Amino acid sequence: MIPSNGFEVVPKLQILDLSGNAASLLDGPAFSSLPNLQELYLRKMGLTEVPSDILGLHQLRILALSQNSLQSVPE
C-alpha cells in the first residue's frame, strides 16, 4: 500500500502505472504531489470513481481507466 504522502519523494515522476494493484490506493495516495505526471495508468483497479486529485494534474496527457467500475468520469 502506498501511504498518502508516498509520492512526495518523487515529484519529477512522469509515468506511473498502478494497473491491477487495487490495494495500493487504499490509503488514497496524493497524486497532487506529482505535478510533472504525464501518464497515469489505473486499469483493473476496481475504481468506482475517479480520484479527485487527478483533476489537478495539469501535465497529464494519458489517463488509462479501463476495466474499472466507473459510473461517470469528470470533464
C-alpha atoms as a PDB file:
ATOM      1  CA  MET A   1       0.000   0.000   0.000  1.00  0.00           C
ATOM      2  CA  ILE A   2       1.219   3.485  -0.859  1.00  0.00           C
ATOM      3  CA  PRO A   3       0.815   5.967   2.019  1.00  0.00           C
ATOM      4  CA  SER A   4      -0.989   9.256   1.369  1.00  0.00           C
ATOM      5  CA  ASN A   5       2.351  11.093   1.251  1.00  0.00           C
ATOM      6  CA  GLY A   6       4.133   8.329  -0.666  1.00  0.00           C
ATOM      7  CA  PHE A   7       4.634  10.269  -3.879  1.00  0.00           C
ATOM      8  CA  GLU A   8       6.214  13.327  -2.239  1.00  0.00           C
ATOM      9  CA  VAL A   9       9.685  11.809  -2.662  1.00  0.00           C
ATOM     10  CA  VAL A  10       9.323  11.545  -6.466  1.00  0.00           C
ATOM     11  CA  PRO A  11       7.879  14.904  -7.580  1.00  0.00           C
ATOM     12  CA  LYS A  12       9.538  14.652 -11.018  1.00  0.00           C
ATOM     13  CA  LEU A  13       7.871  11.327 -11.844  1.00  0.00           C
ATOM     14  CA  GLN A  14       6.333  11.460 -15.336  1.00  0.00           C
ATOM     15  CA  ILE A  15       4.858   7.969 -15.828  1.00  0.00           C
ATOM     16  CA  LEU A  16       3.049   5.888 -13.199  1.00  0.00           C
ATOM     17  CA  ASP A  17       1.420   2.506 -13.778  1.00  0.00           C
ATOM     18  CA  LEU A  18      -0.533   1.055 -10.840  1.00  0.00           C
ATOM     19  CA  SER A  19      -2.739  -1.157 -13.024  1.00  0.00           C
ATOM     20  CA  GLY A  20      -4.025  -4.252 -11.261  1.00  0.00           C
ATOM     21  CA  ASN A  21      -2.787  -3.082  -7.847  1.00  0.00           C
ATOM     22  CA  ALA A  22      -6.069  -2.043  -6.248  1.00  0.00           C
ATOM     23  CA  ALA A  23      -4.663  -2.387  -2.733  1.00  0.00           C
ATOM     24  CA  SER A  24      -2.051   0.283  -3.481  1.00  0.00           C
ATOM     25  CA  LEU A  25      -4.734   3.003  -3.386  1.00  0.00           C
ATOM     26  CA  LEU A  26      -6.476   2.025  -0.148  1.00  0.00           C
ATOM     27  CA  ASP A  27      -4.894   4.902   1.760  1.00  0.00           C
ATOM     28  CA  GLY A  28      -5.589   7.421  -1.003  1.00  0.00           C
ATOM     29  CA  PRO A  29      -2.118   8.441  -2.195  1.00  0.00           C
ATOM     30  CA  ALA A  30      -1.958  12.076  -3.213  1.00  0.00           C
ATOM     31  CA  PHE A  31      -1.460  12.285  -6.965  1.00  0.00           C
ATOM     32  CA  SER A  32      -1.440  16.063  -6.484  1.00  0.00           C
ATOM     33  CA  SER A  33       2.176  15.777  -5.278  1.00  0.00           C
ATOM     34  CA  LEU A  34       3.133  14.662  -8.812  1.00  0.00           C
ATOM     35  CA  PRO A  35       2.926  17.943 -10.778  1.00  0.00           C
ATOM     36  CA  ASN A  36       5.031  16.569 -13.667  1.00  0.00           C
ATOM     37  CA  LEU A  37       2.993  13.397 -14.177  1.00  0.00           C
ATOM     38  CA  GLN A  38       2.181  12.937 -17.871  1.00  0.00           C
ATOM     39  CA  GLU A  39       0.896   9.349 -17.972  1.00  0.00           C
ATOM     40  CA  LEU A  40      -1.196   7.586 -15.336  1.00  0.00           C
ATOM     41  CA  TYR A  41      -2.394   4.011 -15.744  1.00  0.00           C
ATOM     42  CA  LEU A  42      -5.053   2.797 -13.310  1.00  0.00           C
ATOM     43  CA  ARG A  43      -6.504  -0.153 -15.232  1.00  0.00           C
ATOM     44  CA  LYS A  44      -8.170  -3.047 -13.394  1.00  0.00           C
ATOM     45  CA  MET A  45      -8.188  -1.193 -10.074  1.00  0.00           C
ATOM     46  CA  GLY A  46     -11.803  -1.752  -9.035  1.00  0.00           C
ATOM     47  CA  LEU A  47     -12.365   2.016  -9.027  1.00  0.00           C
ATOM     48  CA  THR A  48     -15.941   3.252  -8.758  1.00  0.00           C
ATOM     49  CA  GLU A  49     -14.958   6.908  -9.138  1.00  0.00           C
ATOM     50  CA  VAL A  50     -12.020   8.884 -10.476  1.00  0.00           C
ATOM     51  CA  PRO A  51      -9.689  10.007  -7.652  1.00  0.00           C
ATOM     52  CA  SER A  52     -10.422  13.730  -7.295  1.00  0.00           C
ATOM     53  CA  ASP A  53      -6.822  14.897  -7.053  1.00  0.00           C
ATOM     54  CA  ILE A  54      -6.187  13.641 -10.603  1.00  0.00           C
ATOM     55  CA  LEU A  55      -8.121  16.665 -11.845  1.00  0.00           C
ATOM     56  CA  GLY A  56      -5.269  18.910 -10.686  1.00  0.00           C
ATOM     57  CA  LEU A  57      -2.617  17.155 -12.796  1.00  0.00           C
ATOM     58  CA  HIS A  58      -2.185  19.784 -15.498  1.00  0.00           C
ATOM     59  CA  GLN A  59       0.658  17.974 -17.321  1.00  0.00           C
ATOM     60  CA  LEU A  60      -1.352  14.738 -17.604  1.00  0.00           C
ATOM     61  CA  ARG A  61      -1.725  13.610 -21.225  1.00  0.00           C
ATOM     62  CA  ILE A  62      -2.708   9.954 -20.810  1.00  0.00           C
ATOM     63  CA  LEU A  63      -5.143   8.632 -18.208  1.00  0.00           C
ATOM     64  CA  ALA A  64      -5.982   4.950 -18.578  1.00  0.00           C
ATOM     65  CA  LEU A  65      -9.004   3.864 -16.525  1.00  0.00           C
ATOM     66  CA  SER A  66     -10.245   0.843 -18.489  1.00  0.00           C
ATOM     67  CA  GLN A  67     -11.630  -2.254 -16.776  1.00  0.00           C
ATOM     68  CA  ASN A  68     -12.900  -0.392 -13.702  1.00  0.00           C
ATOM     69  CA  SER A  69     -16.445   0.081 -12.389  1.00  0.00           C
ATOM     70  CA  LEU A  70     -16.747   3.801 -13.052  1.00  0.00           C
ATOM     71  CA  GLN A  71     -20.253   5.253 -13.146  1.00  0.00           C
ATOM     72  CA  SER A  72     -19.092   8.591 -14.563  1.00  0.00           C
ATOM     73  CA  VAL A  73     -15.926  10.465 -15.498  1.00  0.00           C
ATOM     74  CA  PRO A  74     -15.489  14.170 -14.730  1.00  0.00           C
ATOM     75  CA  GLU A  75     -14.899  16.523 -17.645  1.00  0.00           C
END
